[in-house]
Amino acid sequence: MADSDLSERRPVRVLLVDDDPLVRMGLSMMLGEFDEIEVVGSVEDGREVVGAVNSHRPDVVLMDIRMPGTDGLTATEVVRARRDPPAVIVLTTFDTDEHVRRAIRVGASGFLLKHTKPDEIARAVCRAAAGEPAFTPSVLRQVMGFVAAVDDDPGRERARAALDRLSPSERDVARLIADGRTNQEIGAELLMSTATVKAYVTRIFTKLEMTNRVQVAVLVHESR
């Protein structure tokens, strides 16, 4: 993969969750072409995800939405509520506003459509493993549309009040997260080590009661 900054020293461990065995097989074969990625397991229903996460310790879960038992968004919420959870990318044929909103709300790190090109899915997996958001462009436009729909009151004031919980340095980091900067880029701009930036990001998540950078970015944009 061309983007060396998205690769890991060891392969990114991926768990596949989809009720269609052909989709699971196709994804496994496709991702197996990338040295940066290792598919460590697959399950066919959301209710199996917690056990599979315990068994395989994935870095990223690729999660379908519609499954006959526990749906993917419910499973995402359960997984993301765990201590030290894996990143979750919702991978689906459905991109309704409600699905996208709920995916963000329950802590998904990305939202991709199944027709996304293989190299873009692989890149998204690596980005999610690195703590960065990963969205299909059309879905990203939807996310920004949600933000643009927030008028002066009361959403903007709520967002500003939430950001007031942060220290000035934490707000600087949050602002750069919203601009899509990596930890390395944030460190370079704010003259911090990458480890210090990571510590700030963790504190931001704790203070804002959030689980990933997507939620922080949306909050910052809502405050503007």
C-alpha atoms as a PDB file:
ATOM      1  CA  MET A   1       0.000   0.000   0.000  1.00  0.00           C
ATOM      2  CA  ALA A   2       1.345   3.360  -0.971  1.00  0.00           C
ATOM      3  CA  ASP A   3       0.511   5.228   2.243  1.00  0.00           C
ATOM      4  CA  SER A   4       3.377   4.116   4.474  1.00  0.00           C
ATOM      5  CA  ASP A   5       2.100   6.196   7.395  1.00  0.00           C
ATOM      6  CA  LEU A   6      -1.001   3.990   7.538  1.00  0.00           C
ATOM      7  CA  SER A   7       0.855   0.686   7.745  1.00  0.00           C
ATOM      8  CA  GLU A   8       1.583  -1.115  11.011  1.00  0.00           C
ATOM      9  CA  ARG A   9       4.751  -2.824  12.238  1.00  0.00           C
ATOM     10  CA  ARG A  10       2.642  -5.957  12.535  1.00  0.00           C
ATOM     11  CA  PRO A  11      -0.406  -6.743  10.419  1.00  0.00           C
ATOM     12  CA  VAL A  12      -3.673  -5.154  11.492  1.00  0.00           C
ATOM     13  CA  ARG A  13      -5.839  -7.943  12.916  1.00  0.00           C
ATOM     14  CA  VAL A  14      -9.339  -7.903  11.395  1.00  0.00           C
ATOM     15  CA  LEU A  15     -12.542  -9.695  12.396  1.00  0.00           C
ATOM     16  CA  LEU A  16     -15.251 -10.018   9.723  1.00  0.00           C
ATOM     17  CA  VAL A  17     -18.934  -9.936  10.716  1.00  0.00           C
ATOM     18  CA  ASP A  18     -21.478 -10.639   7.971  1.00  0.00           C
ATOM     19  CA  ASP A  19     -24.361 -13.092   7.623  1.00  0.00           C
ATOM     20  CA  ASP A  20     -23.487 -13.861   3.984  1.00  0.00           C
ATOM     21  CA  PRO A  21     -20.769 -16.548   3.742  1.00  0.00           C
ATOM     22  CA  LEU A  22     -19.843 -15.419   0.228  1.00  0.00           C
ATOM     23  CA  VAL A  23     -19.284 -11.868   1.439  1.00  0.00           C
ATOM     24  CA  ARG A  24     -17.106 -13.135   4.301  1.00  0.00           C
ATOM     25  CA  MET A  25     -15.110 -15.291   1.904  1.00  0.00           C
ATOM     26  CA  GLY A  26     -14.718 -12.455  -0.595  1.00  0.00           C
ATOM     27  CA  LEU A  27     -13.568  -9.993   2.049  1.00  0.00           C
ATOM     28  CA  SER A  28     -11.142 -12.497   3.497  1.00  0.00           C
ATOM     29  CA  MET A  29      -9.597 -13.207   0.091  1.00  0.00           C
ATOM     30  CA  MET A  30      -9.493  -9.520  -0.805  1.00  0.00           C
ATOM     31  CA  LEU A  31      -7.889  -8.364   2.440  1.00  0.00           C
ATOM     32  CA  GLY A  32      -5.499 -11.302   2.334  1.00  0.00           C
ATOM     33  CA  GLU A  33      -3.809  -9.613  -0.625  1.00  0.00           C
ATOM     34  CA  PHE A  34      -2.491  -6.855   1.655  1.00  0.00           C
ATOM     35  CA  ASP A  35       0.563  -7.550   3.791  1.00  0.00           C
ATOM     36  CA  GLU A  36      -0.581  -4.898   6.286  1.00  0.00           C
ATOM     37  CA  ILE A  37      -3.702  -6.881   7.178  1.00  0.00           C
ATOM     38  CA  GLU A  38      -4.423 -10.270   8.734  1.00  0.00           C
ATOM     39  CA  VAL A  39      -7.985 -11.624   8.870  1.00  0.00           C
ATOM     40  CA  VAL A  40      -8.083 -13.458  12.204  1.00  0.00           C
ATOM     41  CA  GLY A  41     -11.683 -14.642  12.215  1.00  0.00           C
ATOM     42  CA  SER A  42     -15.213 -14.278  10.913  1.00  0.00           C
ATOM     43  CA  VAL A  43     -18.708 -14.685  12.353  1.00  0.00           C
ATOM     44  CA  GLU A  44     -22.189 -14.547  10.859  1.00  0.00           C
ATOM     45  CA  ASP A  45     -24.193 -12.703  13.495  1.00  0.00           C
ATOM     46  CA  GLY A  46     -23.819  -9.765  15.850  1.00  0.00           C
ATOM     47  CA  ARG A  47     -24.461 -11.921  18.902  1.00  0.00           C
ATOM     48  CA  GLU A  48     -21.227 -13.807  18.183  1.00  0.00           C
ATOM     49  CA  VAL A  49     -19.048 -10.708  18.076  1.00  0.00           C
ATOM     50  CA  VAL A  50     -18.140 -10.415  21.760  1.00  0.00           C
ATOM     51  CA  GLY A  51     -16.962 -14.019  21.929  1.00  0.00           C
ATOM     52  CA  ALA A  52     -14.989 -13.601  18.710  1.00  0.00           C
ATOM     53  CA  VAL A  53     -13.366 -10.392  20.001  1.00  0.00           C
ATOM     54  CA  ASN A  54     -12.371 -12.233  23.183  1.00  0.00           C
ATOM     55  CA  SER A  55     -10.925 -15.123  21.181  1.00  0.00           C
ATOM     56  CA  HIS A  56      -9.171 -13.284  18.361  1.00  0.00           C
ATOM     57  CA  ARG A  57      -8.264  -9.872  19.842  1.00  0.00           C
ATOM     58  CA  PRO A  58      -8.803  -7.966  16.582  1.00  0.00           C
ATOM     59  CA  ASP A  59      -7.634  -4.407  16.057  1.00  0.00           C
ATOM     60  CA  VAL A  60     -10.544  -3.695  13.707  1.00  0.00           C
ATOM     61  CA  VAL A  61     -13.982  -5.258  13.222  1.00  0.00           C
ATOM     62  CA  LEU A  62     -15.618  -4.976   9.782  1.00  0.00           C
ATOM     63  CA  MET A  63     -19.309  -5.024  10.691  1.00  0.00           C
ATOM     64  CA  ASP A  64     -22.380  -5.585   8.527  1.00  0.00           C
ATOM     65  CA  ILE A  65     -25.599  -3.858   9.639  1.00  0.00           C
ATOM     66  CA  ARG A  66     -28.464  -6.181   8.753  1.00  0.00           C
ATOM     67  CA  MET A  67     -28.152  -9.665  10.227  1.00  0.00           C
ATOM     68  CA  PRO A  68     -30.899 -12.099  11.265  1.00  0.00           C
ATOM     69  CA  GLY A  69     -30.083 -12.040  14.992  1.00  0.00           C
ATOM     70  CA  THR A  70     -28.298  -9.114  16.610  1.00  0.00           C
ATOM     71  CA  ASP A  71     -27.851  -6.278  14.115  1.00  0.00           C
ATOM     72  CA  GLY A  72     -24.442  -4.754  13.472  1.00  0.00           C
ATOM     73  CA  LEU A  73     -25.117  -1.384  15.086  1.00  0.00           C
ATOM     74  CA  THR A  74     -26.271  -3.003  18.328  1.00  0.00           C
ATOM     75  CA  ALA A  75     -23.176  -5.212  18.244  1.00  0.00           C
ATOM     76  CA  THR A  76     -21.004  -2.147  17.597  1.00  0.00           C
ATOM     77  CA  GLU A  77     -22.412  -0.419  20.672  1.00  0.00           C
ATOM     78  CA  VAL A  78     -21.688  -3.476  22.830  1.00  0.00           C
ATOM     79  CA  VAL A  79     -18.153  -3.883  21.495  1.00  0.00           C
ATOM     80  CA  ARG A  80     -17.280  -0.194  21.799  1.00  0.00           C
ATOM     81  CA  ALA A  81     -18.467  -0.146  25.425  1.00  0.00           C
ATOM     82  CA  ARG A  82     -15.771  -2.663  26.349  1.00  0.00           C
ATOM     83  CA  ARG A  83     -12.520  -1.680  27.987  1.00  0.00           C
ATOM     84  CA  ASP A  84      -9.843  -1.185  25.306  1.00  0.00           C
ATOM     85  CA  PRO A  85     -12.213  -2.052  22.433  1.00  0.00           C
ATOM     86  CA  PRO A  86     -11.261  -2.673  18.808  1.00  0.00           C
ATOM     87  CA  ALA A  87     -12.144  -0.079  16.195  1.00  0.00           C
ATOM     88  CA  VAL A  88     -15.314  -0.862  14.255  1.00  0.00           C
ATOM     89  CA  ILE A  89     -15.940  -0.040  10.601  1.00  0.00           C
ATOM     90  CA  VAL A  90     -19.505  -0.487   9.442  1.00  0.00           C
ATOM     91  CA  LEU A  91     -19.406  -2.070   5.985  1.00  0.00           C
ATOM     92  CA  THR A  92     -22.823  -2.219   4.372  1.00  0.00           C
ATOM     93  CA  THR A  93     -24.993  -1.682   1.312  1.00  0.00           C
ATOM     94  CA  PHE A  94     -27.177   0.742   3.306  1.00  0.00           C
ATOM     95  CA  ASP A  95     -26.236   4.390   3.877  1.00  0.00           C
ATOM     96  CA  THR A  96     -29.466   5.922   5.169  1.00  0.00           C
ATOM     97  CA  ASP A  97     -29.111   8.992   7.363  1.00  0.00           C
ATOM     98  CA  GLU A  98     -30.391   7.083  10.381  1.00  0.00           C
ATOM     99  CA  HIS A  99     -27.834   4.294   9.939  1.00  0.00           C
ATOM    100  CA  VAL A 100     -24.983   6.793   9.600  1.00  0.00           C
ATOM    101  CA  ARG A 101     -26.133   8.848  12.590  1.00  0.00           C
ATOM    102  CA  ARG A 102     -26.495   5.777  14.787  1.00  0.00           C
ATOM    103  CA  ALA A 103     -23.134   4.359  13.681  1.00  0.00           C
ATOM    104  CA  ILE A 104     -21.433   7.575  14.801  1.00  0.00           C
ATOM    105  CA  ARG A 105     -23.437   7.702  18.016  1.00  0.00           C
ATOM    106  CA  VAL A 106     -22.485   4.143  19.059  1.00  0.00           C
ATOM    107  CA  GLY A 107     -18.800   4.718  18.341  1.00  0.00           C
ATOM    108  CA  ALA A 108     -18.045   3.361  14.871  1.00  0.00           C
ATOM    109  CA  SER A 109     -14.718   4.620  13.518  1.00  0.00           C
ATOM    110  CA  GLY A 110     -15.841   4.405   9.920  1.00  0.00           C
ATOM    111  CA  PHE A 111     -18.707   3.689   7.551  1.00  0.00           C
ATOM    112  CA  LEU A 112     -18.000   2.137   4.148  1.00  0.00           C
ATOM    113  CA  LEU A 113     -20.254   0.876   1.399  1.00  0.00           C
ATOM    114  CA  LYS A 114     -19.662  -2.646   0.119  1.00  0.00           C
ATOM    115  CA  HIS A 115     -18.943  -1.409  -3.400  1.00  0.00           C
ATOM    116  CA  THR A 116     -15.892   0.481  -2.053  1.00  0.00           C
ATOM    117  CA  LYS A 117     -12.704  -0.490  -3.909  1.00  0.00           C
ATOM    118  CA  PRO A 118     -10.514  -3.119  -2.199  1.00  0.00           C
ATOM    119  CA  ASP A 119      -7.524  -0.814  -1.731  1.00  0.00           C
ATOM    120  CA  GLU A 120      -9.786   1.826  -0.172  1.00  0.00           C
ATOM    121  CA  ILE A 121     -11.216  -0.731   2.266  1.00  0.00           C
ATOM    122  CA  ALA A 122      -7.688  -1.825   3.166  1.00  0.00           C
ATOM    123  CA  ARG A 123      -6.612   1.783   3.666  1.00  0.00           C
ATOM    124  CA  ALA A 124      -9.665   2.402   5.849  1.00  0.00           C
ATOM    125  CA  VAL A 125      -8.797  -0.628   7.990  1.00  0.00           C
ATOM    126  CA  CYS A 126      -5.300   0.719   8.562  1.00  0.00           C
ATOM    127  CA  ARG A 127      -6.623   4.200   9.345  1.00  0.00           C
ATOM    128  CA  ALA A 128      -9.118   2.837  11.853  1.00  0.00           C
ATOM    129  CA  ALA A 129      -6.397   0.767  13.534  1.00  0.00           C
ATOM    130  CA  ALA A 130      -4.370   3.969  13.881  1.00  0.00           C
ATOM    131  CA  GLY A 131      -7.323   5.715  15.561  1.00  0.00           C
ATOM    132  CA  GLU A 132      -8.353   7.750  12.527  1.00  0.00           C
ATOM    133  CA  PRO A 133     -11.795   8.015  10.891  1.00  0.00           C
ATOM    134  CA  ALA A 134     -12.565   6.098   7.708  1.00  0.00           C
ATOM    135  CA  PHE A 135     -15.616   7.007   5.647  1.00  0.00           C
ATOM    136  CA  THR A 136     -16.755   6.461   2.088  1.00  0.00           C
ATOM    137  CA  PRO A 137     -16.767   9.985   0.522  1.00  0.00           C
ATOM    138  CA  SER A 138     -20.548   9.982   0.057  1.00  0.00           C
ATOM    139  CA  VAL A 139     -21.026   9.051   3.709  1.00  0.00           C
ATOM    140  CA  LEU A 140     -18.556  11.725   4.821  1.00  0.00           C
ATOM    141  CA  ARG A 141     -20.693  14.267   2.959  1.00  0.00           C
ATOM    142  CA  GLN A 142     -23.692  13.011   4.911  1.00  0.00           C
ATOM    143  CA  VAL A 143     -21.800  13.472   8.190  1.00  0.00           C
ATOM    144  CA  MET A 144     -20.868  17.031   7.252  1.00  0.00           C
ATOM    145  CA  GLY A 145     -24.487  17.589   6.251  1.00  0.00           C
ATOM    146  CA  PHE A 146     -25.601  16.629   9.755  1.00  0.00           C
ATOM    147  CA  VAL A 147     -23.150  19.158  11.154  1.00  0.00           C
ATOM    148  CA  ALA A 148     -24.248  21.885   8.742  1.00  0.00           C
ATOM    149  CA  ALA A 149     -27.847  21.308   9.808  1.00  0.00           C
ATOM    150  CA  VAL A 150     -27.003  22.390  13.362  1.00  0.00           C
ATOM    151  CA  ASP A 151     -28.099  26.018  13.596  1.00  0.00           C
ATOM    152  CA  ASP A 152     -27.135  28.633  16.177  1.00  0.00           C
ATOM    153  CA  ASP A 153     -29.374  27.184  18.892  1.00  0.00           C
ATOM    154  CA  PRO A 154     -29.368  24.927  20.809  1.00  0.00           C
ATOM    155  CA  GLY A 155     -27.001  22.360  19.308  1.00  0.00           C
ATOM    156  CA  ARG A 156     -24.158  24.800  18.863  1.00  0.00           C
ATOM    157  CA  GLU A 157     -24.401  25.958  22.471  1.00  0.00           C
ATOM    158  CA  ARG A 158     -24.450  22.363  23.720  1.00  0.00           C
ATOM    159  CA  ALA A 159     -21.340  21.605  21.671  1.00  0.00           C
ATOM    160  CA  ARG A 160     -19.554  24.685  22.969  1.00  0.00           C
ATOM    161  CA  ALA A 161     -20.480  23.824  26.554  1.00  0.00           C
ATOM    162  CA  ALA A 162     -19.057  20.326  26.078  1.00  0.00           C
ATOM    163  CA  LEU A 163     -15.788  21.696  24.693  1.00  0.00           C
ATOM    164  CA  ASP A 164     -15.538  24.057  27.671  1.00  0.00           C
ATOM    165  CA  ARG A 165     -14.787  20.965  29.761  1.00  0.00           C
ATOM    166  CA  LEU A 166     -11.428  20.774  28.014  1.00  0.00           C
ATOM    167  CA  SER A 167      -8.264  22.655  28.863  1.00  0.00           C
ATOM    168  CA  PRO A 168      -6.938  25.130  26.260  1.00  0.00           C
ATOM    169  CA  SER A 169      -4.329  22.596  25.087  1.00  0.00           C
ATOM    170  CA  GLU A 170      -6.945  19.849  24.843  1.00  0.00           C
ATOM    171  CA  ARG A 171      -9.164  22.163  22.767  1.00  0.00           C
ATOM    172  CA  ASP A 172      -6.220  22.809  20.423  1.00  0.00           C
ATOM    173  CA  VAL A 173      -5.814  19.048  19.958  1.00  0.00           C
ATOM    174  CA  ALA A 174      -9.569  18.588  19.458  1.00  0.00           C
ATOM    175  CA  ARG A 175      -9.591  21.334  16.813  1.00  0.00           C
ATOM    176  CA  LEU A 176      -6.835  19.584  14.867  1.00  0.00           C
ATOM    177  CA  ILE A 177      -8.615  16.230  15.195  1.00  0.00           C
ATOM    178  CA  ALA A 178     -11.615  17.928  13.563  1.00  0.00           C
ATOM    179  CA  ASP A 179      -9.326  19.085  10.754  1.00  0.00           C
ATOM    180  CA  GLY A 180      -8.433  15.454  10.071  1.00  0.00           C
ATOM    181  CA  ARG A 181      -4.853  15.643  11.341  1.00  0.00           C
ATOM    182  CA  THR A 182      -2.957  12.538  12.446  1.00  0.00           C
ATOM    183  CA  ASN A 183      -1.284  12.361  15.851  1.00  0.00           C
ATOM    184  CA  GLN A 184       2.073  12.995  14.180  1.00  0.00           C
ATOM    185  CA  GLU A 185       0.727  16.082  12.390  1.00  0.00           C
ATOM    186  CA  ILE A 186      -0.870  17.393  15.581  1.00  0.00           C
ATOM    187  CA  GLY A 187       2.405  16.926  17.430  1.00  0.00           C
ATOM    188  CA  ALA A 188       4.338  18.789  14.746  1.00  0.00           C
ATOM    189  CA  GLU A 189       1.959  21.755  14.828  1.00  0.00           C
ATOM    190  CA  LEU A 190       1.680  21.977  18.622  1.00  0.00           C
ATOM    191  CA  LEU A 191       5.308  21.032  19.333  1.00  0.00           C
ATOM    192  CA  MET A 192       4.366  17.883  21.223  1.00  0.00           C
ATOM    193  CA  SER A 193       5.639  14.332  21.026  1.00  0.00           C
ATOM    194  CA  THR A 194       3.300  11.754  19.508  1.00  0.00           C
ATOM    195  CA  ALA A 195       3.025  10.082  22.911  1.00  0.00           C
ATOM    196  CA  THR A 196       1.899  13.378  24.454  1.00  0.00           C
ATOM    197  CA  VAL A 197      -0.705  13.848  21.727  1.00  0.00           C
ATOM    198  CA  LYS A 198      -2.022  10.337  22.376  1.00  0.00           C
ATOM    199  CA  ALA A 199      -2.327  11.173  26.077  1.00  0.00           C
ATOM    200  CA  TYR A 200      -4.265  14.335  25.233  1.00  0.00           C
ATOM    201  CA  VAL A 201      -6.575  12.390  22.908  1.00  0.00           C
ATOM    202  CA  THR A 202      -7.299   9.869  25.650  1.00  0.00           C
ATOM    203  CA  ARG A 203      -8.147  12.671  28.099  1.00  0.00           C
ATOM    204  CA  ILE A 204     -10.391  14.317  25.504  1.00  0.00           C
ATOM    205  CA  PHE A 205     -12.317  11.061  25.029  1.00  0.00           C
ATOM    206  CA  THR A 206     -12.717  10.702  28.800  1.00  0.00           C
ATOM    207  CA  LYS A 207     -13.851  14.293  29.441  1.00  0.00           C
ATOM    208  CA  LEU A 208     -16.291  14.322  26.517  1.00  0.00           C
ATOM    209  CA  GLU A 209     -17.496  10.761  27.217  1.00  0.00           C
ATOM    210  CA  MET A 210     -16.666   9.759  23.653  1.00  0.00           C
ATOM    211  CA  THR A 211     -14.918   6.764  22.162  1.00  0.00           C
ATOM    212  CA  ASN A 212     -13.325   7.927  18.924  1.00  0.00           C
ATOM    213  CA  ARG A 213     -12.093  10.833  16.816  1.00  0.00           C
ATOM    214  CA  VAL A 214     -15.172  10.936  14.591  1.00  0.00           C
ATOM    215  CA  GLN A 215     -17.367  11.935  17.515  1.00  0.00           C
ATOM    216  CA  VAL A 216     -14.861  14.590  18.598  1.00  0.00           C
ATOM    217  CA  ALA A 217     -14.670  15.998  15.062  1.00  0.00           C
ATOM    218  CA  VAL A 218     -18.455  16.229  14.754  1.00  0.00           C
ATOM    219  CA  LEU A 219     -18.681  17.994  18.131  1.00  0.00           C
ATOM    220  CA  VAL A 220     -16.024  20.557  17.158  1.00  0.00           C
ATOM    221  CA  HIS A 221     -17.737  21.272  13.831  1.00  0.00           C
ATOM    222  CA  GLU A 222     -21.095  21.631  15.613  1.00  0.00           C
ATOM    223  CA  SER A 223     -19.577  24.242  17.929  1.00  0.00           C
ATOM    224  CA  ARG A 224     -18.482  26.541  15.083  1.00  0.00           C
END
